[in-house]
Structure formats: C-alpha cells, structure tokens
Protein backbone atom coordinates (compact mmCIF):
# COMPACT_ATOMS: atom_id res chain seq x y z
CA UNK A 1 81.17 -51.90 106.49
CA UNK A 2 84.53 -52.09 104.78
CA UNK A 3 83.66 -54.71 102.18
CA UNK A 4 82.96 -52.60 99.04
CA UNK A 5 86.35 -50.89 98.83
CA UNK A 6 88.07 -54.09 99.78
CA UNK A 7 86.75 -56.65 97.31
CA UNK A 8 89.65 -56.08 94.93
CA UNK A 9 92.03 -56.69 97.82
CA UNK A 10 90.35 -60.00 98.55
CA UNK A 11 91.06 -61.19 95.02
CA UNK A 12 94.71 -60.25 95.45
CA UNK A 13 94.95 -62.10 98.75
CA UNK A 14 93.26 -65.18 97.27
CA UNK A 15 95.82 -65.19 94.44
CA UNK A 16 98.64 -64.84 96.96
CA UNK A 17 97.28 -67.81 98.88
CA UNK A 18 97.37 -69.98 95.80
CA UNK A 19 100.96 -68.99 95.09
CA UNK A 20 102.09 -69.45 98.68
CA UNK A 21 100.86 -73.05 98.58
CA UNK A 22 103.78 -73.81 96.26
CA UNK A 23 106.41 -73.13 98.86
CA UNK A 24 107.59 -71.06 101.84
CA UNK A 25 107.81 -71.77 105.55
CA UNK A 26 104.77 -72.58 107.63
CA UNK A 27 103.42 -70.04 110.10
CA UNK A 28 104.50 -70.81 113.67
CA UNK A 29 100.87 -71.05 114.79
CA UNK A 30 99.81 -73.48 112.08
CA UNK A 31 98.89 -77.00 113.29
CA UNK A 32 100.70 -80.07 112.10
CA UNK A 33 98.79 -82.42 109.81
CA UNK A 34 98.41 -86.01 110.91
CA UNK A 35 97.85 -88.71 108.31
CA UNK A 36 94.48 -89.76 109.75
CA UNK A 37 93.18 -86.19 109.91
CA UNK A 38 94.33 -85.43 106.39
CA UNK A 39 92.63 -88.59 105.13
CA UNK A 40 89.27 -87.27 106.36
CA UNK A 41 89.18 -84.67 103.60
CA UNK A 42 87.43 -83.39 101.65
CA UNK A 43 84.60 -82.65 104.11
CA UNK A 44 81.34 -80.82 103.47
CA UNK A 45 79.57 -78.81 106.16
CA UNK A 46 75.92 -77.83 105.66
CA UNK A 47 74.77 -74.52 107.12
CA UNK A 48 72.15 -71.77 106.81
CA UNK A 49 73.69 -70.36 103.62
CA UNK A 50 74.08 -73.68 101.84
CA UNK A 51 77.12 -75.90 102.20
CA UNK A 52 80.88 -75.51 102.30
CA UNK A 53 83.39 -78.07 101.10
CA UNK A 54 86.87 -78.01 102.57
CA UNK A 55 89.18 -79.86 100.21
CA UNK A 56 92.12 -80.48 102.55
CA UNK A 57 93.00 -80.12 106.21
CA UNK A 58 93.19 -76.42 107.10
CA UNK A 59 96.61 -75.17 108.12
CA UNK A 60 95.65 -71.54 108.76
CA UNK A 61 92.45 -71.15 110.76
CA UNK A 62 90.70 -67.81 111.27
CA UNK A 63 87.45 -67.20 113.14
CA UNK A 64 85.01 -64.30 113.32
CA UNK A 65 82.37 -63.23 115.84
CA UNK A 66 82.03 -64.46 119.38
CA UNK A 67 83.86 -67.53 120.75
CA UNK A 68 84.45 -69.48 117.53
CA UNK A 69 88.18 -69.48 118.21
CA UNK A 70 87.60 -71.54 121.34
CA UNK A 71 86.95 -74.74 119.41
CA UNK A 72 90.34 -74.86 117.64
CA UNK A 73 92.09 -73.65 120.80
CA UNK A 74 90.44 -76.38 122.87
CA UNK A 75 91.64 -78.89 120.27
CA UNK A 76 95.21 -77.58 120.40
CA UNK A 77 95.12 -75.37 117.29
CA UNK A 78 96.05 -71.69 117.57
CA UNK A 79 94.11 -69.62 115.01
CA UNK A 80 96.01 -67.10 112.90
CA UNK A 81 93.39 -64.55 113.90
CA UNK A 82 90.11 -64.14 115.77
CA UNK A 83 87.79 -61.46 117.15
CA UNK A 84 89.08 -59.23 119.92
CA UNK A 85 87.05 -59.59 123.12
CA UNK A 86 84.59 -56.73 123.48
CA UNK A 87 82.88 -57.96 126.65
CA UNK A 88 84.38 -59.52 129.76
CA UNK A 89 87.92 -58.32 129.02
CA UNK A 90 88.77 -56.90 132.43
CA UNK A 91 92.43 -56.10 131.74
CA UNK A 92 91.90 -54.66 128.26
CA UNK A 93 94.30 -56.95 126.41
CA UNK A 94 91.63 -58.19 124.01
CA UNK A 95 91.66 -61.70 125.49
CA UNK A 96 89.19 -63.40 127.80
CA UNK A 97 90.89 -65.10 130.75
CA UNK A 98 90.25 -68.64 129.51
CA UNK A 99 91.72 -67.74 126.13
CA UNK A 100 94.83 -66.29 127.74
CA UNK A 101 95.21 -69.39 129.91
CA UNK A 102 94.90 -71.72 126.91
CA UNK A 103 97.39 -69.75 124.83
CA UNK A 104 99.85 -69.94 127.73
CA UNK A 105 99.23 -73.69 128.05
CA UNK A 106 99.96 -74.12 124.33
CA UNK A 107 103.05 -71.93 124.55
CA UNK A 108 101.61 -69.60 121.91
CA UNK A 109 101.70 -65.85 121.44
CA UNK A 110 98.54 -63.82 121.03
CA UNK A 111 97.28 -64.16 117.43
CA UNK A 112 95.98 -61.27 115.35
CA UNK A 113 92.88 -59.87 117.07
CA UNK A 114 90.21 -58.51 114.73
CA UNK A 115 88.41 -55.36 115.88
CA UNK A 116 84.71 -56.04 115.29
CA UNK A 117 83.43 -52.83 116.89
CA UNK A 118 81.95 -51.75 113.55
CA UNK A 119 81.34 -55.22 112.16
CA UNK A 120 83.57 -57.94 110.74
CA UNK A 121 87.06 -56.74 109.83
CA UNK A 122 87.16 -58.29 106.36
CA UNK A 123 90.52 -56.72 105.55
CA UNK A 124 92.05 -57.97 108.78
CA UNK A 125 90.72 -61.48 108.16
CA UNK A 126 92.10 -61.55 104.63
CA UNK A 127 95.50 -60.30 105.79
CA UNK A 128 95.91 -63.41 107.96
CA UNK A 129 95.63 -65.54 104.79
CA UNK A 130 93.35 -68.22 106.25
CA UNK A 131 92.34 -71.39 104.44
CA UNK A 132 89.17 -71.78 106.52
CA UNK A 133 87.01 -69.30 108.46
CA UNK A 134 84.96 -70.63 111.39
CA UNK A 135 81.70 -68.88 112.32
CA UNK A 136 79.35 -71.61 113.55
CA UNK A 137 78.17 -69.36 116.40
CA UNK A 138 77.71 -65.97 114.78
CA UNK A 139 75.40 -63.35 113.36
CA UNK A 140 76.61 -63.53 109.76
CA UNK A 141 74.41 -61.96 107.12
CA UNK A 142 74.27 -63.26 103.57
CA UNK A 143 76.51 -60.36 102.55
CA UNK A 144 79.01 -61.17 105.32
CA UNK A 145 79.07 -64.80 104.23
CA UNK A 146 79.53 -63.93 100.56
CA UNK A 147 82.38 -61.53 101.32
CA UNK A 148 84.17 -63.96 103.64
CA UNK A 149 83.75 -66.75 101.10
CA UNK A 150 85.90 -64.76 98.69
CA UNK A 151 88.72 -65.11 101.23
CA UNK A 152 88.35 -68.76 102.28
CA UNK A 153 85.72 -71.48 102.84
CA UNK A 154 83.35 -70.43 105.61
CA UNK A 155 81.61 -72.58 108.23
CA UNK A 156 78.45 -70.64 109.14
CA UNK A 157 75.69 -71.35 111.66
CA UNK A 158 73.40 -74.30 110.90
CA UNK A 159 69.99 -72.65 111.29
CA UNK A 160 69.72 -69.21 112.90
CA UNK A 161 72.02 -66.38 113.89
CA UNK A 162 73.35 -66.58 117.47
CA UNK A 163 71.44 -69.79 118.16
CA UNK A 164 74.10 -72.48 117.77
CA UNK A 165 74.63 -74.53 120.92
CA UNK A 166 78.14 -75.07 122.22
CA UNK A 167 77.80 -78.75 121.28
CA UNK A 168 76.88 -77.98 117.69
CA UNK A 169 79.66 -75.40 117.44
CA UNK A 170 82.15 -78.05 118.47
CA UNK A 171 80.67 -80.65 116.11
CA UNK A 172 80.63 -78.36 113.07
CA UNK A 173 84.00 -76.76 113.60
CA UNK A 174 85.87 -79.90 114.66
CA UNK A 175 84.53 -81.60 111.53
CA UNK A 176 85.85 -78.72 109.41
CA UNK A 177 89.26 -79.15 111.06
CA UNK A 178 89.36 -82.90 110.46
CA UNK A 179 89.09 -83.53 114.21
CA UNK A 180 85.53 -84.82 114.58
CA UNK A 181 86.50 -87.62 117.00
CA UNK A 182 88.46 -85.19 119.16
CA UNK A 183 85.45 -82.84 119.12
CA UNK A 184 83.18 -85.61 120.39
CA UNK A 185 85.62 -86.32 123.22
CA UNK A 186 85.64 -82.62 124.14
CA UNK A 187 81.84 -82.60 124.31
CA UNK A 188 81.86 -85.66 126.58
CA UNK A 189 84.41 -84.04 128.88
CA UNK A 190 82.41 -80.82 129.22
CA UNK A 191 79.16 -82.70 129.81
CA UNK A 192 80.77 -84.66 132.64
CA UNK A 193 82.06 -81.47 134.23
CA UNK A 194 78.57 -79.99 134.11
CA UNK A 195 76.98 -83.09 135.60
CA UNK A 196 79.55 -83.30 138.40
CA UNK A 197 79.19 -79.62 139.36
CA UNK A 198 75.38 -79.67 139.32
CA UNK A 199 75.42 -82.76 141.56
CA UNK A 200 76.85 -80.62 144.36
CA UNK A 201 73.43 -78.91 144.62
CA UNK A 202 70.70 -81.59 144.40
CA UNK A 203 68.06 -78.86 144.86
CA UNK A 204 68.80 -77.57 141.37
CA UNK A 205 67.47 -80.69 139.67
CA UNK A 206 64.24 -79.96 137.83
CA UNK A 207 63.98 -76.33 138.94
CA UNK A 208 62.65 -73.85 136.37
CA UNK A 209 64.99 -70.98 135.49
CA UNK A 210 64.71 -67.95 133.23
CA UNK A 211 67.35 -65.44 132.16
CA UNK A 212 66.35 -61.78 132.05
CA UNK A 213 68.34 -59.56 129.72
CA UNK A 214 69.92 -56.37 131.05
CA UNK A 215 67.51 -54.54 133.36
CA UNK A 216 66.98 -50.80 132.98
CA UNK A 217 66.17 -49.49 136.47
CA UNK A 218 64.80 -46.27 134.94
CA UNK A 219 62.14 -48.19 133.00
CA UNK A 220 60.61 -51.20 134.69
CA UNK A 221 57.42 -51.06 132.64
CA UNK A 222 58.60 -54.05 130.64
CA UNK A 223 60.83 -57.08 131.04
CA UNK A 224 63.00 -58.73 128.43
CA UNK A 225 64.18 -62.31 128.58
CA UNK A 226 66.13 -64.86 126.57
CA UNK A 227 64.02 -67.48 124.85
CA UNK A 228 64.71 -71.20 124.83
CA UNK A 229 66.53 -70.64 121.52
CA UNK A 230 69.33 -68.76 123.27
CA UNK A 231 72.39 -70.60 124.54
CA UNK A 232 72.20 -68.84 127.94
CA UNK A 233 68.82 -70.43 128.58
CA UNK A 234 69.97 -73.77 127.17
CA UNK A 235 72.80 -73.81 129.72
CA UNK A 236 70.21 -74.38 132.46
CA UNK A 237 69.02 -77.65 130.93
CA UNK A 238 72.66 -78.74 130.63
CA UNK A 239 72.80 -78.41 134.42
CA UNK A 240 69.67 -80.52 135.03
CA UNK A 241 67.21 -77.63 135.36
CA UNK A 242 64.34 -76.79 133.01
CA UNK A 243 62.67 -73.94 131.16
CA UNK A 244 59.50 -72.55 132.79
CA UNK A 245 56.39 -73.50 130.85
CA UNK A 246 55.64 -69.79 130.35
CA UNK A 247 58.98 -69.23 128.63
CA UNK A 248 58.60 -72.37 126.52
CA UNK A 249 55.17 -71.19 125.33
CA UNK A 250 56.45 -67.73 124.41
CA UNK A 251 59.51 -69.20 122.70
CA UNK A 252 57.45 -71.60 120.59
CA UNK A 253 55.87 -68.67 118.77
CA UNK A 254 59.16 -67.12 117.60
CA UNK A 255 62.65 -67.87 116.36
CA UNK A 256 64.06 -64.82 118.13
CA UNK A 257 66.62 -65.32 120.92
CA UNK A 258 64.97 -62.70 123.18
CA UNK A 259 61.49 -61.28 123.79
CA UNK A 260 59.96 -58.39 125.70
CA UNK A 261 56.66 -58.25 127.54
CA UNK A 262 54.83 -55.69 129.62
CA UNK A 263 55.36 -55.74 133.38
CA UNK A 264 51.58 -55.88 133.64
CA UNK A 265 51.82 -59.50 132.50
CA UNK A 266 54.00 -60.62 135.42
CA UNK A 267 51.44 -63.22 136.40
CA UNK A 268 52.73 -65.24 133.46
CA UNK A 269 56.03 -65.68 135.30
CA UNK A 270 54.60 -67.24 138.44
CA UNK A 271 56.03 -70.63 137.36
CA UNK A 272 59.64 -69.42 137.51
CA UNK A 273 61.69 -70.84 140.38
CA UNK A 274 64.94 -68.93 139.78
CA UNK A 275 65.74 -65.78 137.81
CA UNK A 276 69.20 -64.96 136.43
CA UNK A 277 70.20 -61.59 135.01
CA UNK A 278 73.10 -59.22 134.48
CA UNK A 279 73.37 -56.79 137.37
CA UNK A 280 75.61 -56.21 140.34
CA UNK A 281 77.19 -58.10 143.20
CA UNK A 282 75.84 -55.81 145.91
CA UNK A 283 72.19 -56.81 145.56
CA UNK A 284 70.90 -53.44 144.37
CA UNK A 285 69.39 -54.97 141.23
CA UNK A 286 67.24 -57.34 143.26
CA UNK A 287 66.35 -54.57 145.76
CA UNK A 288 65.19 -52.35 142.90
CA UNK A 289 62.94 -55.07 141.53
CA UNK A 290 61.54 -55.92 144.96
CA UNK A 291 60.46 -52.28 145.38
CA UNK A 292 58.62 -52.20 142.07
CA UNK A 293 54.84 -52.61 142.56
CA UNK A 294 54.47 -55.00 139.61
CA UNK A 295 57.72 -56.92 139.30
CA UNK A 296 57.84 -57.57 143.05
CA UNK A 297 54.83 -59.84 142.53
CA UNK A 298 56.94 -62.37 140.63
CA UNK A 299 57.49 -65.11 143.27
CA UNK A 300 61.17 -65.63 142.41
CA UNK A 301 61.87 -61.92 142.92
CA UNK A 302 59.77 -61.69 146.08
CA UNK A 303 61.67 -64.48 147.83
CA UNK A 304 65.09 -63.58 146.39
CA UNK A 305 65.64 -66.70 144.28
CA UNK A 306 67.72 -64.45 142.10
CA UNK A 307 71.21 -64.51 140.55
CA UNK A 308 72.76 -61.18 139.61
CA UNK A 309 75.86 -61.56 137.43
CA UNK A 310 78.10 -58.52 137.91
CA UNK A 311 78.90 -56.45 134.86
CA UNK A 312 81.36 -57.98 132.45
CA UNK A 313 83.09 -60.31 134.91
CA UNK A 314 84.18 -63.76 133.71
CA UNK A 315 81.20 -65.53 135.27
CA UNK A 316 78.78 -63.08 133.62
CA UNK A 317 80.51 -63.49 130.28
CA UNK A 318 80.51 -67.28 130.51
CA UNK A 319 76.80 -67.46 131.32
CA UNK A 320 76.70 -67.77 127.53
CA UNK A 321 78.48 -71.15 127.49
CA UNK A 322 81.42 -71.67 125.15
CA UNK A 323 83.93 -74.54 124.94
CA UNK A 324 86.70 -72.99 127.04
CA UNK A 325 84.61 -70.69 129.23
CA UNK A 326 82.46 -73.46 130.73
CA UNK A 327 85.29 -75.18 132.56
CA UNK A 328 86.78 -71.86 133.67
CA UNK A 329 83.71 -70.53 135.55
CA UNK A 330 81.44 -73.54 136.01
CA UNK A 331 81.98 -73.94 139.75
CA UNK A 332 81.29 -70.26 140.49
CA UNK A 333 78.16 -70.19 138.33
CA UNK A 334 76.72 -73.33 139.88
CA UNK A 335 77.45 -71.94 143.36
CA UNK A 336 75.36 -68.85 142.55
CA UNK A 337 72.50 -70.96 141.19
CA UNK A 338 72.69 -73.26 144.20
CA UNK A 339 72.38 -70.36 146.64
CA UNK A 340 69.32 -69.12 144.76
CA UNK A 341 67.79 -72.60 144.95
CA UNK A 342 68.34 -72.63 148.71
CA UNK A 343 65.73 -69.84 149.01
CA UNK A 344 62.97 -71.91 147.45
C-alpha cells in the first residue's frame, strides 16, 4: 500500500485544491452546475464508516474500485479519474466496452485510469484533484476510507463491502452529485429494460437460480457459490427469478458474499432449477461436471440447465450488474438463461 509515504503529499494536494478554488480554468471534463442541482447542497450521505457531507456540487468527480464511475457517466458526467478495468477488458485499453461507448457518446477523451492491481492508487487519485470520491460499491477498509478522506469527501458502501446493489449505488452516488431525481429516472429505465427482456422468456418467471463461483476442474471435492448478498445473485430476482431455498438458508447464516460446501452435500442443491457459472463457450465445463460422480447428481447439472459464461467476455463481466453494463449485455444474458430454462 502506498499510503504511508504519501500522506504528506495528500496534505499538499488538499492545500492546492483550496487555492485553485479561487481561480483558474475549469477542467474540460468537469460538469456544468445547474441552479437546481447546486441548490440541493449541502447533502449528507450515511455509509458504513459514518457519514459524509458534501458542501457544494462536485465539479471534479473521481471514483475507486469496480464500476463506481458508471453512475456519473450514465448521468452525463465524465470523472476526472477512475479504476482501470482489470477484468473483461478484451482489447487491453483499460476500458470496458460500455464505458468506451459512453465516453464516445459524450464526446469525451479517456480520463485518468487508476491502476488498482496492488490496491487503491491513492497518489493517482490525489493527483486528479477531486472534490468528491465515489465508492458506493467497493471493498474499502477503514484505512482506505481514512486515507481517501484526506483527499476529498468519500461516499462509501452503506453496509458491507461488495454488497451494494446497482440501485443503491445509483441512489447514493446520484445524491452525492446533486442529481437524485435523475438517478431515480435511471433506475426506472433500467428496471423497464430488465422487465421487457425477461418477458421474452416466460419460462424464466419464478425459476430458482444459483451462481457458482469459478470452478476448478482439478478439485471438484467442493463447490463455491455466491450468496443472496452478492449482486450477481440479486440480478436473478431483478429478472423475475428467485433464489433457491437452499441458498437462502445458507445465506441467512452469514454476511459473506460467497460460501463453499463439500460436494458430498450436493443433495442440498436439488431445489436449483438453473446454474450459472464462469466457464467456457464450448460446453467443457458442463461436461466435466456431468462426469463427476457427486456433482452430476445435482438435477440442474444432470439435465444441462446450465449457463457457462466464457472467461472475461462482456457478458461474463456484466453478470455482476452495473448501471451501464446492464443495458449493454442484457439481451445476450437473458438469451442464455432462457435456453437453460428450455431444458427444464
């Protein structure tokens, strides 16, 4: 972590921010301030580390961790910096395809991309001179939050790390931007898209679905799955499906977003209609599971009611729903789920 040697630099950047407020030209990516939006301030956002008050409408927005930049982008604001894509970036430019498309739509250049390979790039964030940092969907620690707060006000997750729904991310971050009404409209738009796509496959309604984490074909003695606290599993209920009772029971006993159980307990998963996991497009993942003496007894695997999301493709990446990704891959994802439902 780069924080210890950098704390003095944070103080310097904070001082520079105060001085720059007295004059100078605005950054080309900074949003314009409407009278109604400005009048909404100050606003206070409550989160897991306490509360953050934003005194005036942010003009320089930075985000850290996965997908938080999508809220301002969806609302027409180009952040001064956000995390470089480390999964699903097929062309290696640091941008996910829906981000690139939105930047093009807005006529904006690529902002500063923070390299979070070894954790949050505190120095990089500070160098963009933000006046708010969005992290409603993140894994911030108390130390991360404290360090970022020395740079600018921080909007952290409301309850638990990596457990904020796409709706709550939009609500929290749009409020921090003074665009709460626009955030509500965005939520309504996405919900309609989900409802319309799911309606193409009536068989999906009410079906129970679970999401297995990455499968290790060299060790099938255990299975890991996302709990109902994870946004990947919550996506299924957005589409009119449900959590299996077995997964709900296991999830009720923990706040973790994933759990592991022995393959000898596969009888617990007999209530699962459809299984989704990360795998391959050729069907070898399913074939491997169907050959296993224990896992092949899971009804969904036996009959092939199974969705394998290839590698780090856009549809696999967007199985964890985020504001821009949903619209970009929704049709393809629902098609895959619908084909699995056809085998019931």
